[in-house]
N, C-alpha and C. Protein backbone atom coordinates (compact mmCIF):
# COMPACT_ATOMS: atom_id res chain seq x y z
N MET A 1 0.82 -1.14 -0.06
CA MET A 1 0.00 0.14 0.00
C MET A 1 0.91 1.20 0.00
N SER A 2 0.46 2.23 -0.80
CA SER A 2 1.28 3.56 -0.92
C SER A 2 1.02 4.43 0.32
N ASN A 3 1.64 5.27 0.40
CA ASN A 3 1.48 6.24 1.38
C ASN A 3 0.34 7.30 1.34
N ASN A 4 -0.19 7.35 -0.03
CA ASN A 4 -1.29 8.19 -0.25
C ASN A 4 -2.57 7.47 -0.13
N GLU A 5 -2.68 6.09 0.13
CA GLU A 5 -3.81 5.49 0.38
C GLU A 5 -4.24 5.36 1.74
N VAL A 6 -5.44 5.56 2.01
CA VAL A 6 -6.00 5.57 3.40
C VAL A 6 -7.01 4.48 3.41
N THR A 7 -6.95 3.64 4.56
CA THR A 7 -7.96 2.64 4.73
C THR A 7 -8.63 2.81 6.05
N THR A 8 -9.85 2.41 6.05
CA THR A 8 -10.63 2.66 7.23
C THR A 8 -11.42 1.36 7.49
N ASP A 9 -11.43 1.05 8.70
CA ASP A 9 -12.30 -0.16 9.27
C ASP A 9 -13.72 0.14 9.56
N VAL A 10 -14.04 1.46 9.45
CA VAL A 10 -15.26 1.87 9.98
C VAL A 10 -16.38 1.55 8.86
N ALA A 11 -17.42 0.74 9.34
CA ALA A 11 -18.52 0.48 8.40
C ALA A 11 -19.47 1.61 8.45
N PHE A 12 -19.91 2.17 7.16
CA PHE A 12 -20.77 3.03 7.16
C PHE A 12 -22.26 2.40 7.12
N THR A 13 -23.09 2.92 7.95
CA THR A 13 -24.49 2.35 7.98
C THR A 13 -25.43 3.41 7.68
N ALA A 14 -26.47 3.11 7.03
CA ALA A 14 -27.35 4.00 6.62
C ALA A 14 -28.19 4.58 7.86
N GLN A 15 -28.56 5.82 7.87
CA GLN A 15 -29.17 6.38 8.93
C GLN A 15 -30.65 5.69 9.09
N PRO A 16 -31.28 5.76 10.15
CA PRO A 16 -32.57 5.10 10.29
C PRO A 16 -33.57 5.99 9.52
N SER A 17 -34.56 5.37 9.07
CA SER A 17 -35.68 6.18 8.38
C SER A 17 -36.49 6.68 9.42
N ILE A 18 -37.22 7.75 9.04
CA ILE A 18 -38.18 8.35 10.01
C ILE A 18 -39.16 7.39 10.59
N ASP A 19 -39.69 6.44 9.70
CA ASP A 19 -40.48 5.20 10.33
C ASP A 19 -39.89 4.60 11.38
N GLU A 20 -38.63 4.28 11.19
CA GLU A 20 -37.84 3.41 12.14
C GLU A 20 -37.77 4.17 13.49
N ILE A 21 -37.44 5.44 13.27
CA ILE A 21 -37.39 6.27 14.46
C ILE A 21 -38.72 6.48 15.27
N ALA A 22 -39.77 6.65 14.44
CA ALA A 22 -41.20 6.88 15.14
C ALA A 22 -41.43 5.46 15.72
N SER A 23 -41.20 4.29 15.08
CA SER A 23 -41.44 3.06 15.75
C SER A 23 -40.79 2.85 17.16
N GLU A 24 -39.52 3.31 17.19
CA GLU A 24 -38.83 3.21 18.35
C GLU A 24 -39.32 4.23 19.46
N VAL A 25 -39.74 5.26 18.96
CA VAL A 25 -40.17 6.28 19.90
C VAL A 25 -41.57 5.66 20.43
N ALA A 26 -42.31 5.18 19.66
CA ALA A 26 -43.76 4.57 20.06
C ALA A 26 -43.55 3.65 21.01
N LEU A 27 -42.43 2.69 20.81
CA LEU A 27 -42.24 1.61 21.84
C LEU A 27 -41.96 2.32 23.21
N ILE A 28 -41.08 3.39 23.21
CA ILE A 28 -40.71 3.87 24.40
C ILE A 28 -41.88 4.49 25.15
N VAL A 29 -42.66 5.35 24.40
CA VAL A 29 -43.77 5.84 24.88
C VAL A 29 -44.86 4.91 25.41
N LYS A 30 -44.91 3.79 24.67
CA LYS A 30 -46.05 2.70 25.01
C LYS A 30 -45.63 2.27 26.38
N ARG A 31 -44.38 2.11 26.79
CA ARG A 31 -43.96 1.61 28.06
C ARG A 31 -44.16 2.73 29.27
N ARG A 32 -44.22 3.94 28.80
CA ARG A 32 -44.27 4.94 29.88
C ARG A 32 -45.72 5.67 30.03
N ILE A 33 -46.56 5.37 29.24
CA ILE A 33 -47.90 6.07 29.52
C ILE A 33 -49.04 4.98 29.46
N ASP A 34 -50.12 5.33 30.14
CA ASP A 34 -51.19 4.32 30.20
C ASP A 34 -52.37 4.67 29.36
N ALA A 35 -53.39 3.89 29.25
CA ALA A 35 -54.52 3.96 28.35
C ALA A 35 -55.12 5.33 28.23
N LYS A 36 -55.19 6.03 29.55
CA LYS A 36 -55.73 7.27 29.61
C LYS A 36 -55.05 8.27 28.98
N ASP A 37 -53.72 8.23 28.97
CA ASP A 37 -52.80 9.23 28.29
C ASP A 37 -53.00 8.97 26.80
N ILE A 38 -53.23 7.66 26.44
CA ILE A 38 -53.34 7.47 24.98
C ILE A 38 -54.62 8.10 24.46
N LEU A 39 -55.71 8.15 25.19
CA LEU A 39 -56.98 8.62 24.90
C LEU A 39 -56.85 10.29 24.73
N LYS A 40 -55.94 10.81 25.66
CA LYS A 40 -55.75 12.14 25.48
C LYS A 40 -54.98 12.46 24.36
N LEU A 41 -54.06 11.77 24.01
CA LEU A 41 -53.44 11.88 22.51
C LEU A 41 -54.40 11.95 21.35
N LEU A 42 -55.30 11.07 21.44
CA LEU A 42 -56.30 10.73 20.45
C LEU A 42 -57.14 12.16 20.33
N LEU A 43 -57.36 12.72 21.23
CA LEU A 43 -58.20 13.90 21.25
C LEU A 43 -57.64 15.18 20.51
N VAL A 44 -56.30 15.09 20.34
CA VAL A 44 -55.64 16.30 19.49
C VAL A 44 -55.19 15.82 18.11
N VAL A 45 -55.90 14.93 17.50
CA VAL A 45 -55.42 14.46 16.21
C VAL A 45 -56.13 15.30 15.18
N PHE A 46 -55.48 15.86 14.29
CA PHE A 46 -56.10 16.55 13.21
C PHE A 46 -56.32 15.84 12.09
N LEU A 47 -57.43 15.95 11.30
CA LEU A 47 -57.81 15.10 10.11
C LEU A 47 -58.03 15.97 8.90
N GLU A 48 -57.67 15.43 7.80
CA GLU A 48 -58.04 16.27 6.39
C GLU A 48 -59.38 15.86 6.14
N VAL A 49 -59.85 16.66 5.07
CA VAL A 49 -61.10 16.35 4.64
C VAL A 49 -61.45 14.86 4.16
N GLU A 50 -60.57 14.17 3.50
CA GLU A 50 -60.85 12.72 3.15
C GLU A 50 -60.83 11.97 4.43
N GLU A 51 -60.00 12.27 5.48
CA GLU A 51 -60.14 11.35 6.51
C GLU A 51 -61.31 11.59 7.36
N ALA A 52 -61.83 12.86 7.46
CA ALA A 52 -63.16 13.11 7.99
C ALA A 52 -64.16 12.27 7.38
N ALA A 53 -64.21 12.41 6.19
CA ALA A 53 -65.24 11.81 5.29
C ALA A 53 -65.23 10.28 5.62
N HIS A 54 -64.06 9.66 5.74
CA HIS A 54 -63.81 8.25 5.94
C HIS A 54 -64.30 7.96 7.40
N LEU A 55 -64.01 8.86 8.38
CA LEU A 55 -64.59 8.61 9.67
C LEU A 55 -66.02 8.59 9.88
N LEU A 56 -66.57 9.58 9.27
CA LEU A 56 -68.05 9.84 9.31
C LEU A 56 -68.75 8.94 8.45
N ARG A 57 -68.12 8.21 7.45
CA ARG A 57 -68.72 7.40 6.50
C ARG A 57 -69.68 8.17 5.64
N VAL A 58 -69.13 9.36 5.03
CA VAL A 58 -69.90 10.09 4.09
C VAL A 58 -68.94 10.37 2.93
N GLU A 59 -69.46 10.94 1.94
CA GLU A 59 -68.62 11.29 0.71
C GLU A 59 -67.91 12.57 0.99
N VAL A 60 -66.65 12.79 0.41
CA VAL A 60 -65.98 13.98 0.54
C VAL A 60 -66.83 15.24 0.10
N LYS A 61 -67.57 15.12 -0.91
CA LYS A 61 -68.39 16.20 -1.33
C LYS A 61 -69.30 16.65 -0.08
N THR A 62 -69.84 15.51 0.60
CA THR A 62 -70.69 15.95 1.67
C THR A 62 -69.85 16.74 2.81
N ILE A 63 -68.69 16.31 3.11
CA ILE A 63 -68.00 17.13 4.07
C ILE A 63 -67.84 18.56 3.59
N ARG A 64 -67.47 18.66 2.35
CA ARG A 64 -67.16 20.02 1.55
C ARG A 64 -68.49 20.84 1.83
N ALA A 65 -69.60 20.24 1.58
CA ALA A 65 -70.98 20.87 1.64
C ALA A 65 -71.16 21.36 3.04
N TRP A 66 -70.86 20.50 4.00
CA TRP A 66 -71.13 20.91 5.40
C TRP A 66 -70.30 22.06 5.84
N VAL A 67 -69.12 22.05 5.38
CA VAL A 67 -68.13 23.03 5.64
C VAL A 67 -68.71 24.38 5.10
N SER A 68 -69.08 24.40 3.81
CA SER A 68 -69.35 25.60 3.28
C SER A 68 -70.82 26.21 3.83
N GLN A 69 -71.62 25.27 4.41
CA GLN A 69 -72.73 25.58 5.13
C GLN A 69 -72.53 25.92 6.55
N ASP A 70 -71.34 25.71 7.02
CA ASP A 70 -70.75 25.83 8.37
C ASP A 70 -71.62 24.95 9.47
N ARG A 71 -71.90 23.76 8.90
CA ARG A 71 -72.79 22.79 9.84
C ARG A 71 -71.85 21.81 10.56
N ILE A 72 -70.43 21.88 10.48
CA ILE A 72 -69.69 20.92 10.99
C ILE A 72 -68.33 21.72 11.53
N PRO A 73 -67.82 21.30 12.59
CA PRO A 73 -66.68 22.10 13.25
C PRO A 73 -65.45 21.89 12.43
N TYR A 74 -64.73 22.97 11.99
CA TYR A 74 -63.68 22.65 11.14
C TYR A 74 -62.66 23.83 11.58
N ARG A 75 -61.44 23.78 11.08
CA ARG A 75 -60.48 24.86 11.15
C ARG A 75 -59.76 25.01 9.81
N LYS A 76 -59.02 26.09 9.59
CA LYS A 76 -58.30 26.37 8.42
C LYS A 76 -56.89 26.51 8.94
N ALA A 77 -55.96 25.68 8.05
CA ALA A 77 -54.51 25.82 8.40
C ALA A 77 -53.90 25.93 7.05
N ASN A 78 -53.21 26.97 6.76
CA ASN A 78 -52.37 27.27 5.64
C ASN A 78 -53.43 26.97 4.40
N GLY A 79 -54.60 27.66 4.54
CA GLY A 79 -55.53 27.49 3.41
C GLY A 79 -56.28 26.26 3.27
N ARG A 80 -56.05 25.20 3.95
CA ARG A 80 -56.71 23.96 3.96
C ARG A 80 -57.59 23.71 5.10
N VAL A 81 -58.68 23.14 4.92
CA VAL A 81 -59.78 22.73 5.92
C VAL A 81 -59.19 21.55 6.64
N ILE A 82 -59.28 21.54 7.86
CA ILE A 82 -58.81 20.46 8.72
C ILE A 82 -59.82 20.31 9.94
N PHE A 83 -59.82 19.06 10.56
CA PHE A 83 -60.75 18.81 11.60
C PHE A 83 -60.09 18.27 12.85
N MET A 84 -60.49 18.59 13.93
CA MET A 84 -60.06 18.01 15.17
C MET A 84 -60.86 16.88 15.41
N LEU A 85 -60.17 15.66 15.66
CA LEU A 85 -61.05 14.38 15.86
C LEU A 85 -61.94 14.47 17.00
N ALA A 86 -61.57 15.11 18.25
CA ALA A 86 -62.28 15.18 19.30
C ALA A 86 -63.58 16.10 19.07
N GLU A 87 -63.39 17.12 18.34
CA GLU A 87 -64.53 17.98 17.99
C GLU A 87 -65.40 17.33 16.98
N LEU A 88 -65.06 16.45 16.01
CA LEU A 88 -65.91 15.64 15.22
C LEU A 88 -66.64 14.60 16.07
N LEU A 89 -66.02 14.03 16.90
CA LEU A 89 -66.64 13.00 17.70
C LEU A 89 -67.70 13.62 18.60
N ALA A 90 -67.51 14.81 19.18
CA ALA A 90 -68.43 15.41 20.04
C ALA A 90 -69.54 15.98 19.13
N TRP A 91 -69.30 16.39 17.89
CA TRP A 91 -70.34 16.91 16.81
C TRP A 91 -71.22 15.72 16.79
N THR A 92 -70.76 14.69 16.73
CA THR A 92 -71.81 13.35 16.26
C THR A 92 -72.58 13.07 17.44
N LEU A 93 -72.44 13.46 18.59
CA LEU A 93 -73.15 13.10 19.73
C LEU A 93 -74.75 13.88 19.71
N PRO A 94 -75.61 13.10 20.21
CA PRO A 94 -76.94 13.84 20.34
C PRO A 94 -76.91 14.98 21.35
N GLU A 95 -77.86 15.93 21.17
CA GLU A 95 -77.84 17.14 22.14
C GLU A 95 -78.17 16.67 23.61
N ASN A 96 -79.15 15.89 23.74
CA ASN A 96 -79.55 15.24 25.09
C ASN A 96 -78.88 13.95 25.36
N ASP A 97 -77.57 14.07 25.42
CA ASP A 97 -76.79 12.75 25.49
C ASP A 97 -76.95 12.17 26.85
N LYS A 98 -77.66 11.12 27.03
CA LYS A 98 -77.74 10.49 28.33
C LYS A 98 -76.42 9.81 28.92
N HIS A 99 -75.58 9.66 28.09
CA HIS A 99 -74.41 9.15 28.43
C HIS A 99 -73.16 9.89 28.62
N THR A 100 -73.30 11.18 28.71
CA THR A 100 -72.34 12.19 28.84
C THR A 100 -71.25 11.77 29.86
N ARG A 101 -71.54 11.27 30.97
CA ARG A 101 -70.45 11.05 31.98
C ARG A 101 -69.52 9.87 31.62
N HIS A 102 -70.00 9.15 30.65
CA HIS A 102 -69.08 8.13 30.03
C HIS A 102 -68.20 8.41 28.94
N ARG A 103 -68.42 9.72 28.43
CA ARG A 103 -67.72 10.19 27.12
C ARG A 103 -66.24 10.60 27.58
N LEU A 104 -65.37 10.76 26.55
CA LEU A 104 -64.08 11.16 26.76
C LEU A 104 -64.05 12.63 27.12
N ALA A 105 -62.99 13.00 27.75
CA ALA A 105 -62.76 14.40 28.25
C ALA A 105 -62.77 15.46 27.11
N ALA A 106 -63.18 16.48 27.21
CA ALA A 106 -63.29 17.62 26.24
C ALA A 106 -61.94 17.80 25.71
N SER A 107 -61.76 18.10 24.58
CA SER A 107 -60.39 18.40 23.93
C SER A 107 -59.59 19.64 24.54
N THR A 108 -60.61 20.63 25.16
CA THR A 108 -59.99 21.79 25.72
C THR A 108 -59.32 21.56 27.06
N GLN A 109 -59.41 20.42 27.64
CA GLN A 109 -58.80 19.77 28.84
C GLN A 109 -57.48 19.20 28.48
N VAL A 110 -57.12 18.79 27.22
CA VAL A 110 -55.95 18.20 26.92
C VAL A 110 -54.75 19.12 26.73
N LYS A 111 -53.69 18.98 27.42
CA LYS A 111 -52.48 19.86 27.22
C LYS A 111 -51.45 19.47 26.19
N ILE A 112 -51.58 18.29 25.39
CA ILE A 112 -50.65 17.86 24.46
C ILE A 112 -51.19 18.35 23.13
N ALA A 113 -50.24 18.70 22.28
CA ALA A 113 -50.69 19.07 20.89
C ALA A 113 -49.90 18.22 20.00
N SER A 114 -50.63 17.95 18.85
CA SER A 114 -50.00 17.11 17.92
C SER A 114 -50.71 17.23 16.66
N SER A 115 -50.07 17.49 15.56
CA SER A 115 -50.78 17.55 14.16
C SER A 115 -51.24 16.35 13.69
N ARG A 116 -50.68 15.22 14.01
CA ARG A 116 -51.19 13.94 13.59
C ARG A 116 -50.73 12.91 14.59
N LEU A 117 -51.48 11.90 14.67
CA LEU A 117 -51.01 10.65 15.51
C LEU A 117 -50.86 9.55 14.70
N ALA A 118 -49.68 8.80 15.05
CA ALA A 118 -49.29 7.63 14.37
C ALA A 118 -49.44 7.73 12.87
N ALA A 119 -49.04 8.84 12.33
CA ALA A 119 -49.07 8.95 10.81
C ALA A 119 -50.32 8.61 10.18
N THR A 120 -51.47 9.27 10.68
CA THR A 120 -52.69 8.96 10.37
C THR A 120 -53.04 7.51 10.28
N TRP A 121 -53.07 6.94 11.65
CA TRP A 121 -53.22 5.53 11.76
C TRP A 121 -52.44 4.56 10.88
N GLU A 122 -51.12 5.00 11.04
CA GLU A 122 -50.17 4.15 10.15
C GLU A 122 -50.62 4.11 8.69
N ARG A 123 -50.94 5.13 8.20
CA ARG A 123 -51.46 5.36 6.74
C ARG A 123 -52.57 4.47 6.32
N LYS A 124 -53.35 4.50 7.26
CA LYS A 124 -54.60 3.35 7.06
C LYS A 124 -54.30 2.12 6.76
N ARG A 125 -53.06 1.54 7.55
CA ARG A 125 -52.65 0.34 7.45
C ARG A 125 -52.59 -0.28 6.14
């Protein structure tokens, strides 16, 4: 070997993907939180129009019509319509709900913020 050649025994490994990192973080979090904490996380999930339509089992055009008629709770972010999962679930409840005490806590009581949870349910599996 000449003096100009350099050898290394260091193996270069590819950096983990975002999915691998997310999976590892999910495992750590799963060991540290309980079911009530997970429910709180679910309350701050934001959905896109298509996801809201899927959740409510209606057509996308129905969701868009409800938004234009201001019949459904929604928000706008960067010019796009989005929905909070907790608000949609609350919106589906009857006005005289006899089972209120059994329902999930209001989203206003949740202190955690997240734009999405579990990459939209693991990209619909």
